[in-house]
Each structure stands twice: as structure tokens, then as C-alpha cells.
């Protein structure tokens, strides 16, 4: 999966403090284009949740703090 955050979302510049790259690549672990299209929304949501969690925790790279921020059930993406 490859998504250009800057062109997809004008507000994506907010991620620059925790992610300097404009593109983030993640494997969808399939060779089927149809299956990749099914998996893509969940993969994008996971990447955005991780970025939002990193913003919440600042520059902390400790796995526990980033996971805790990402796992907050009342936290919506983009809030």
C-alpha cells in the first residue's frame, strides 16, 4: 500500500512532526488486487491511528505509550 498523505488530506501536514515521509508503504500481504482493495481501508485506518497516537504522545517511541494512545476506544481518527 502506498498513499501520499499530503495530497490525500490537506490536514496531513499535522503529521510532519512525527512522520517526515510523505508516503508510507505497508504490505497488504496479498497478491490479489481485489483482496487488496478490501483490505486497504482498514490498513489506512491503522496507519492514521498510529500517526494520531504518535501525535498524542509527542515524539515518544516507547511501544507501550504509543499502543496505549492508539488503543483508546473513545478516540476517533482525525480528532
PDB file of N, CA and C in Angstrom:
ATOM      1  N   UNK A   1       0.849  -1.168   0.000  1.00  0.00           N
ATOM      2  CA  UNK A   1       0.000   0.000   0.000  1.00  0.00           C
ATOM      3  C   UNK A   1       0.893   1.229   0.000  1.00  0.00           C
ATOM      4  N   UNK A   2       0.553   2.164  -0.782  1.00  0.00           N
ATOM      5  CA  UNK A   2       1.276   3.419  -0.807  1.00  0.00           C
ATOM      6  C   UNK A   2       0.249   4.533  -0.887  1.00  0.00           C
ATOM      7  N   UNK A   3       0.375   5.486  -0.003  1.00  0.00           N
ATOM      8  CA  UNK A   3      -0.585   6.590  -0.009  1.00  0.00           C
ATOM      9  C   UNK A   3       0.175   7.869   0.266  1.00  0.00           C
ATOM     10  N   UNK A   4      -0.025   8.850  -0.570  1.00  0.00           N
ATOM     11  CA  UNK A   4       0.617  10.139  -0.374  1.00  0.00           C
ATOM     12  C   UNK A   4      -0.256  10.952   0.578  1.00  0.00           C
ATOM     13  N   UNK A   5       0.201  11.095   1.821  1.00  0.00           N
ATOM     14  CA  UNK A   5      -0.587  11.781   2.837  1.00  0.00           C
ATOM     15  C   UNK A   5      -0.835  13.240   2.496  1.00  0.00           C
ATOM     16  N   UNK A   6       0.125  13.887   1.879  1.00  0.00           N
ATOM     17  CA  UNK A   6      -0.005  15.317   1.589  1.00  0.00           C
ATOM     18  C   UNK A   6      -1.092  15.585   0.558  1.00  0.00           C
ATOM     19  N   UNK A   7      -1.202  14.755  -0.456  1.00  0.00           N
ATOM     20  CA  UNK A   7      -2.203  15.013  -1.480  1.00  0.00           C
ATOM     21  C   UNK A   7      -3.568  14.470  -1.088  1.00  0.00           C
ATOM     22  N   UNK A   8      -3.619  13.462  -0.214  1.00  0.00           N
ATOM     23  CA  UNK A   8      -4.894  12.870   0.177  1.00  0.00           C
ATOM     24  C   UNK A   8      -5.656  13.767   1.141  1.00  0.00           C
ATOM     25  N   UNK A   9      -4.948  14.408   2.035  1.00  0.00           N
ATOM     26  CA  UNK A   9      -5.602  15.146   3.103  1.00  0.00           C
ATOM     27  C   UNK A   9      -4.838  16.442   3.356  1.00  0.00           C
ATOM     28  N   UNK A  10      -5.498  17.562   3.143  1.00  0.00           N
ATOM     29  CA  UNK A  10      -4.824  18.849   3.347  1.00  0.00           C
ATOM     30  C   UNK A  10      -4.347  18.995   4.788  1.00  0.00           C
ATOM     31  N   UNK A  11      -5.026  18.358   5.745  1.00  0.00           N
ATOM     32  CA  UNK A  11      -4.632  18.416   7.145  1.00  0.00           C
ATOM     33  C   UNK A  11      -3.511  17.456   7.496  1.00  0.00           C
ATOM     34  N   UNK A  12      -3.023  16.692   6.526  1.00  0.00           N
ATOM     35  CA  UNK A  12      -1.987  15.697   6.801  1.00  0.00           C
ATOM     36  C   UNK A  12      -0.663  16.341   7.212  1.00  0.00           C
ATOM     37  N   UNK A  13      -0.504  17.615   6.950  1.00  0.00           N
ATOM     38  CA  UNK A  13       0.726  18.294   7.371  1.00  0.00           C
ATOM     39  C   UNK A  13       0.907  18.216   8.876  1.00  0.00           C
ATOM     40  N   UNK A  14      -0.191  17.976   9.581  1.00  0.00           N
ATOM     41  CA  UNK A  14      -0.090  17.868  11.043  1.00  0.00           C
ATOM     42  C   UNK A  14       0.758  16.673  11.459  1.00  0.00           C
ATOM     43  N   UNK A  15       0.947  15.711  10.568  1.00  0.00           N
ATOM     44  CA  UNK A  15       1.751  14.531  10.890  1.00  0.00           C
ATOM     45  C   UNK A  15       3.247  14.764  10.687  1.00  0.00           C
ATOM     46  N   UNK A  16       3.630  15.887  10.127  1.00  0.00           N
ATOM     47  CA  UNK A  16       5.039  16.147   9.819  1.00  0.00           C
ATOM     48  C   UNK A  16       5.925  16.094  11.064  1.00  0.00           C
ATOM     49  N   UNK A  17       5.391  16.413  12.215  1.00  0.00           N
ATOM     50  CA  UNK A  17       6.190  16.392  13.450  1.00  0.00           C
ATOM     51  C   UNK A  17       6.576  14.981  13.864  1.00  0.00           C
ATOM     52  N   UNK A  18       5.767  13.993  13.477  1.00  0.00           N
ATOM     53  CA  UNK A  18       6.057  12.615  13.895  1.00  0.00           C
ATOM     54  C   UNK A  18       6.393  11.695  12.727  1.00  0.00           C
ATOM     55  N   UNK A  19       6.146  12.152  11.500  1.00  0.00           N
ATOM     56  CA  UNK A  19       6.450  11.346  10.321  1.00  0.00           C
ATOM     57  C   UNK A  19       6.871  12.250   9.176  1.00  0.00           C
ATOM     58  N   UNK A  20       8.171  12.327   8.905  1.00  0.00           N
ATOM     59  CA  UNK A  20       8.655  13.239   7.866  1.00  0.00           C
ATOM     60  C   UNK A  20       8.347  12.780   6.437  1.00  0.00           C
ATOM     61  N   UNK A  21       8.072  11.489   6.234  1.00  0.00           N
ATOM     62  CA  UNK A  21       7.815  10.985   4.880  1.00  0.00           C
ATOM     63  C   UNK A  21       6.425  11.388   4.398  1.00  0.00           C
ATOM     64  N   UNK A  22       6.310  11.654   3.110  1.00  0.00           N
ATOM     65  CA  UNK A  22       5.005  11.953   2.509  1.00  0.00           C
ATOM     66  C   UNK A  22       4.272  10.678   2.127  1.00  0.00           C
ATOM     67  N   UNK A  23       5.019   9.609   1.882  1.00  0.00           N
ATOM     68  CA  UNK A  23       4.423   8.316   1.540  1.00  0.00           C
ATOM     69  C   UNK A  23       4.810   7.292   2.586  1.00  0.00           C
ATOM     70  N   UNK A  24       3.836   6.468   2.931  1.00  0.00           N
ATOM     71  CA  UNK A  24       4.069   5.372   3.865  1.00  0.00           C
ATOM     72  C   UNK A  24       3.659   4.095   3.157  1.00  0.00           C
ATOM     73  N   UNK A  25       4.536   3.121   3.159  1.00  0.00           N
ATOM     74  CA  UNK A  25       4.261   1.851   2.494  1.00  0.00           C
ATOM     75  C   UNK A  25       4.000   0.774   3.536  1.00  0.00           C
ATOM     76  N   UNK A  26       2.929   0.025   3.341  1.00  0.00           N
ATOM     77  CA  UNK A  26       2.601  -1.117   4.188  1.00  0.00           C
ATOM     78  C   UNK A  26       2.180  -2.255   3.275  1.00  0.00           C
ATOM     79  N   UNK A  27       2.606  -3.449   3.603  1.00  0.00           N
ATOM     80  CA  UNK A  27       2.209  -4.621   2.836  1.00  0.00           C
ATOM     81  C   UNK A  27       0.792  -5.024   3.222  1.00  0.00           C
ATOM     82  N   UNK A  28      -0.011  -5.326   2.240  1.00  0.00           N
ATOM     83  CA  UNK A  28      -1.357  -5.835   2.488  1.00  0.00           C
ATOM     84  C   UNK A  28      -1.362  -7.367   2.496  1.00  0.00           C
ATOM     85  N   UNK A  29      -0.209  -7.953   2.262  1.00  0.00           N
ATOM     86  CA  UNK A  29       0.013  -9.393   2.325  1.00  0.00           C
ATOM     87  C   UNK A  29      -0.975 -10.195   1.461  1.00  0.00           C
ATOM     88  N   UNK A  30      -1.093  -9.741   0.222  1.00  0.00           N
ATOM     89  CA  UNK A  30      -1.910 -10.456  -0.754  1.00  0.00           C
ATOM     90  C   UNK A  30      -1.393 -10.144  -2.144  1.00  0.00           C
ATOM     91  N   UNK A  31      -1.593 -11.076  -3.046  1.00  0.00           N
ATOM     92  CA  UNK A  31      -1.234 -10.804  -4.438  1.00  0.00           C
ATOM     93  C   UNK A  31      -2.489 -10.550  -5.278  1.00  0.00           C
ATOM     94  N   UNK A  32      -3.639 -10.562  -4.627  1.00  0.00           N
ATOM     95  CA  UNK A  32      -4.910 -10.322  -5.294  1.00  0.00           C
ATOM     96  C   UNK A  32      -5.285  -8.839  -5.195  1.00  0.00           C
ATOM     97  N   UNK A  33      -5.484  -8.204  -6.348  1.00  0.00           N
ATOM     98  CA  UNK A  33      -5.873  -6.789  -6.339  1.00  0.00           C
ATOM     99  C   UNK A  33      -7.242  -6.622  -5.679  1.00  0.00           C
ATOM    100  N   UNK A  34      -8.128  -7.548  -5.917  1.00  0.00           N
ATOM    101  CA  UNK A  34      -9.458  -7.480  -5.312  1.00  0.00           C
ATOM    102  C   UNK A  34      -9.375  -7.533  -3.788  1.00  0.00           C
ATOM    103  N   UNK A  35      -8.578  -8.461  -3.270  1.00  0.00           N
ATOM    104  CA  UNK A  35      -8.410  -8.581  -1.819  1.00  0.00           C
ATOM    105  C   UNK A  35      -7.695  -7.356  -1.254  1.00  0.00           C
ATOM    106  N   UNK A  36      -6.746  -6.810  -2.009  1.00  0.00           N
ATOM    107  CA  UNK A  36      -6.041  -5.606  -1.567  1.00  0.00           C
ATOM    108  C   UNK A  36      -7.008  -4.432  -1.425  1.00  0.00           C
ATOM    109  N   UNK A  37      -7.945  -4.304  -2.352  1.00  0.00           N
ATOM    110  CA  UNK A  37      -8.942  -3.226  -2.270  1.00  0.00           C
ATOM    111  C   UNK A  37      -9.846  -3.390  -1.049  1.00  0.00           C
ATOM    112  N   UNK A  38     -10.111  -4.638  -0.668  1.00  0.00           N
ATOM    113  CA  UNK A  38     -10.916  -4.906   0.525  1.00  0.00           C
ATOM    114  C   UNK A  38     -10.133  -4.542   1.789  1.00  0.00           C
ATOM    115  N   UNK A  39      -8.845  -4.867   1.805  1.00  0.00           N
ATOM    116  CA  UNK A  39      -8.008  -4.640   2.987  1.00  0.00           C
ATOM    117  C   UNK A  39      -7.538  -3.193   3.143  1.00  0.00           C
ATOM    118  N   UNK A  40      -7.522  -2.425   2.068  1.00  0.00           N
ATOM    119  CA  UNK A  40      -6.959  -1.085   2.079  1.00  0.00           C
ATOM    120  C   UNK A  40      -7.577  -0.143   3.110  1.00  0.00           C
ATOM    121  N   UNK A  41      -8.891  -0.042   3.235  1.00  0.00           N
ATOM    122  CA  UNK A  41      -9.450   0.900   4.220  1.00  0.00           C
ATOM    123  C   UNK A  41      -9.002   0.609   5.659  1.00  0.00           C
ATOM    124  N   UNK A  42      -8.944  -0.646   6.035  1.00  0.00           N
ATOM    125  CA  UNK A  42      -8.501  -0.997   7.383  1.00  0.00           C
ATOM    126  C   UNK A  42      -7.019  -0.665   7.579  1.00  0.00           C
ATOM    127  N   UNK A  43      -6.213  -0.898   6.548  1.00  0.00           N
ATOM    128  CA  UNK A  43      -4.782  -0.594   6.636  1.00  0.00           C
ATOM    129  C   UNK A  43      -4.560   0.915   6.738  1.00  0.00           C
ATOM    130  N   UNK A  44      -5.302   1.687   5.959  1.00  0.00           N
ATOM    131  CA  UNK A  44      -5.189   3.152   6.043  1.00  0.00           C
ATOM    132  C   UNK A  44      -5.612   3.649   7.427  1.00  0.00           C
ATOM    133  N   UNK A  45      -6.694   3.098   7.940  1.00  0.00           N
ATOM    134  CA  UNK A  45      -7.169   3.496   9.271  1.00  0.00           C
ATOM    135  C   UNK A  45      -6.130   3.174  10.335  1.00  0.00           C
ATOM    136  N   UNK A  46      -5.463   2.029  10.208  1.00  0.00           N
ATOM    137  CA  UNK A  46      -4.433   1.648  11.176  1.00  0.00           C
ATOM    138  C   UNK A  46      -3.241   2.602  11.124  1.00  0.00           C
ATOM    139  N   UNK A  47      -2.825   2.984   9.921  1.00  0.00           N
ATOM    140  CA  UNK A  47      -1.710   3.921   9.773  1.00  0.00           C
ATOM    141  C   UNK A  47      -2.073   5.275  10.374  1.00  0.00           C
ATOM    142  N   UNK A  48      -3.273   5.764  10.069  1.00  0.00           N
ATOM    143  CA  UNK A  48      -3.700   7.054  10.612  1.00  0.00           C
ATOM    144  C   UNK A  48      -3.854   7.004  12.130  1.00  0.00           C
ATOM    145  N   UNK A  49      -4.343   5.878  12.663  1.00  0.00           N
ATOM    146  CA  UNK A  49      -4.455   5.728  14.117  1.00  0.00           C
ATOM    147  C   UNK A  49      -3.076   5.753  14.765  1.00  0.00           C
ATOM    148  N   UNK A  50      -2.102   5.108  14.118  1.00  0.00           N
ATOM    149  CA  UNK A  50      -0.735   5.119  14.646  1.00  0.00           C
ATOM    150  C   UNK A  50      -0.164   6.539  14.629  1.00  0.00           C
ATOM    151  N   UNK A  51      -0.377   7.255  13.536  1.00  0.00           N
ATOM    152  CA  UNK A  51       0.125   8.628  13.448  1.00  0.00           C
ATOM    153  C   UNK A  51      -0.548   9.528  14.478  1.00  0.00           C
ATOM    154  N   UNK A  52      -1.858   9.381  14.643  1.00  0.00           N
ATOM    155  CA  UNK A  52      -2.571  10.170  15.650  1.00  0.00           C
ATOM    156  C   UNK A  52      -2.069   9.853  17.054  1.00  0.00           C
ATOM    157  N   UNK A  53      -1.797   8.572  17.311  1.00  0.00           N
ATOM    158  CA  UNK A  53      -1.274   8.178  18.621  1.00  0.00           C
ATOM    159  C   UNK A  53       0.104   8.791  18.854  1.00  0.00           C
ATOM    160  N   UNK A  54       0.935   8.787  17.806  1.00  0.00           N
ATOM    161  CA  UNK A  54       2.263   9.387  17.941  1.00  0.00           C
ATOM    162  C   UNK A  54       2.172  10.883  18.186  1.00  0.00           C
ATOM    163  N   UNK A  55       1.200  11.538  17.569  1.00  0.00           N
ATOM    164  CA  UNK A  55       0.990  12.963  17.828  1.00  0.00           C
ATOM    165  C   UNK A  55       0.565  13.180  19.278  1.00  0.00           C
ATOM    166  N   UNK A  56      -0.324  12.329  19.764  1.00  0.00           N
ATOM    167  CA  UNK A  56      -0.808  12.432  21.138  1.00  0.00           C
ATOM    168  C   UNK A  56       0.332  12.286  22.135  1.00  0.00           C
ATOM    169  N   UNK A  57       1.235  11.374  21.859  1.00  0.00           N
ATOM    170  CA  UNK A  57       2.337  11.090  22.780  1.00  0.00           C
ATOM    171  C   UNK A  57       3.579  11.926  22.472  1.00  0.00           C
ATOM    172  N   UNK A  58       3.512  12.775  21.487  1.00  0.00           N
ATOM    173  CA  UNK A  58       4.690  13.550  21.106  1.00  0.00           C
ATOM    174  C   UNK A  58       5.649  12.672  20.334  1.00  0.00           C
ATOM    175  N   UNK A  59       6.910  12.845  20.552  1.00  0.00           N
ATOM    176  CA  UNK A  59       7.923  12.082  19.827  1.00  0.00           C
ATOM    177  C   UNK A  59       8.260  10.757  20.492  1.00  0.00           C
ATOM    178  N   UNK A  60       7.565  10.388  21.536  1.00  0.00           N
ATOM    179  CA  UNK A  60       7.846   9.149  22.255  1.00  0.00           C
ATOM    180  C   UNK A  60       7.770   7.946  21.319  1.00  0.00           C
ATOM    181  N   UNK A  61       8.774   7.123  21.348  1.00  0.00           N
ATOM    182  CA  UNK A  61       8.789   5.909  20.537  1.00  0.00           C
ATOM    183  C   UNK A  61       8.675   4.665  21.407  1.00  0.00           C
ATOM    184  N   UNK A  62       8.351   4.832  22.684  1.00  0.00           N
ATOM    185  CA  UNK A  62       8.181   3.683  23.553  1.00  0.00           C
ATOM    186  C   UNK A  62       6.929   2.938  23.110  1.00  0.00           C
ATOM    187  N   UNK A  63       7.050   1.632  22.810  1.00  0.00           N
ATOM    188  CA  UNK A  63       5.910   0.893  22.280  1.00  0.00           C
ATOM    189  C   UNK A  63       4.678   0.952  23.176  1.00  0.00           C
ATOM    190  N   UNK A  64       4.827   0.890  24.471  1.00  0.00           N
ATOM    191  CA  UNK A  64       3.681   0.895  25.380  1.00  0.00           C
ATOM    192  C   UNK A  64       2.892   2.183  25.324  1.00  0.00           C
ATOM    193  N   UNK A  65       3.571   3.322  25.238  1.00  0.00           N
ATOM    194  CA  UNK A  65       2.856   4.593  25.237  1.00  0.00           C
ATOM    195  C   UNK A  65       2.141   4.830  23.919  1.00  0.00           C
ATOM    196  N   UNK A  66       2.760   4.455  22.827  1.00  0.00           N
ATOM    197  CA  UNK A  66       2.124   4.622  21.523  1.00  0.00           C
ATOM    198  C   UNK A  66       0.927   3.685  21.418  1.00  0.00           C
ATOM    199  N   UNK A  67       1.084   2.437  21.862  1.00  0.00           N
ATOM    200  CA  UNK A  67      -0.024   1.483  21.815  1.00  0.00           C
ATOM    201  C   UNK A  67      -1.185   1.959  22.680  1.00  0.00           C
ATOM    202  N   UNK A  68      -0.888   2.439  23.876  1.00  0.00           N
ATOM    203  CA  UNK A  68      -1.944   2.906  24.777  1.00  0.00           C
ATOM    204  C   UNK A  68      -2.750   4.037  24.148  1.00  0.00           C
ATOM    205  N   UNK A  69      -2.063   4.952  23.501  1.00  0.00           N
ATOM    206  CA  UNK A  69      -2.757   6.068  22.858  1.00  0.00           C
ATOM    207  C   UNK A  69      -3.605   5.575  21.685  1.00  0.00           C
ATOM    208  N   UNK A  70      -3.087   4.609  20.932  1.00  0.00           N
ATOM    209  CA  UNK A  70      -3.825   4.084  19.773  1.00  0.00           C
ATOM    210  C   UNK A  70      -5.009   3.236  20.205  1.00  0.00           C
ATOM    211  N   UNK A  71      -4.925   2.625  21.375  1.00  0.00           N
ATOM    212  CA  UNK A  71      -5.963   1.702  21.824  1.00  0.00           C
ATOM    213  C   UNK A  71      -7.114   2.379  22.554  1.00  0.00           C
ATOM    214  N   UNK A  72      -7.064   3.683  22.732  1.00  0.00           N
ATOM    215  CA  UNK A  72      -8.144   4.377  23.426  1.00  0.00           C
ATOM    216  C   UNK A  72      -9.421   4.251  22.603  1.00  0.00           C
ATOM    217  N   UNK A  73     -10.453   3.575  23.146  1.00  0.00           N
ATOM    218  CA  UNK A  73     -11.653   3.320  22.345  1.00  0.00           C
ATOM    219  C   UNK A  73     -12.467   4.571  22.014  1.00  0.00           C
ATOM    220  N   UNK A  74     -12.379   5.618  22.814  1.00  0.00           N
ATOM    221  CA  UNK A  74     -13.193   6.806  22.553  1.00  0.00           C
ATOM    222  C   UNK A  74     -12.504   7.790  21.630  1.00  0.00           C
ATOM    223  N   UNK A  75     -11.342   7.462  21.124  1.00  0.00           N
ATOM    224  CA  UNK A  75     -10.571   8.364  20.293  1.00  0.00           C
ATOM    225  C   UNK A  75     -10.830   8.072  18.816  1.00  0.00           C
ATOM    226  N   UNK A  76     -11.389   9.021  18.099  1.00  0.00           N
ATOM    227  CA  UNK A  76     -11.658   8.837  16.679  1.00  0.00           C
ATOM    228  C   UNK A  76     -10.500   9.340  15.842  1.00  0.00           C
ATOM    229  N   UNK A  77     -10.376   8.842  14.665  1.00  0.00           N
ATOM    230  CA  UNK A  77      -9.316   9.278  13.758  1.00  0.00           C
ATOM    231  C   UNK A  77      -9.590  10.707  13.336  1.00  0.00           C
ATOM    232  N   UNK A  78      -8.545  11.509  13.388  1.00  0.00           N
ATOM    233  CA  UNK A  78      -8.649  12.896  12.967  1.00  0.00           C
ATOM    234  C   UNK A  78      -9.113  13.851  14.051  1.00  0.00           C
ATOM    235  N   UNK A  79      -9.297  13.365  15.247  1.00  0.00           N
ATOM    236  CA  UNK A  79      -9.720  14.249  16.335  1.00  0.00           C
ATOM    237  C   UNK A  79      -8.534  14.821  17.049  1.00  0.00           C
TER     238      UNK A  79
END
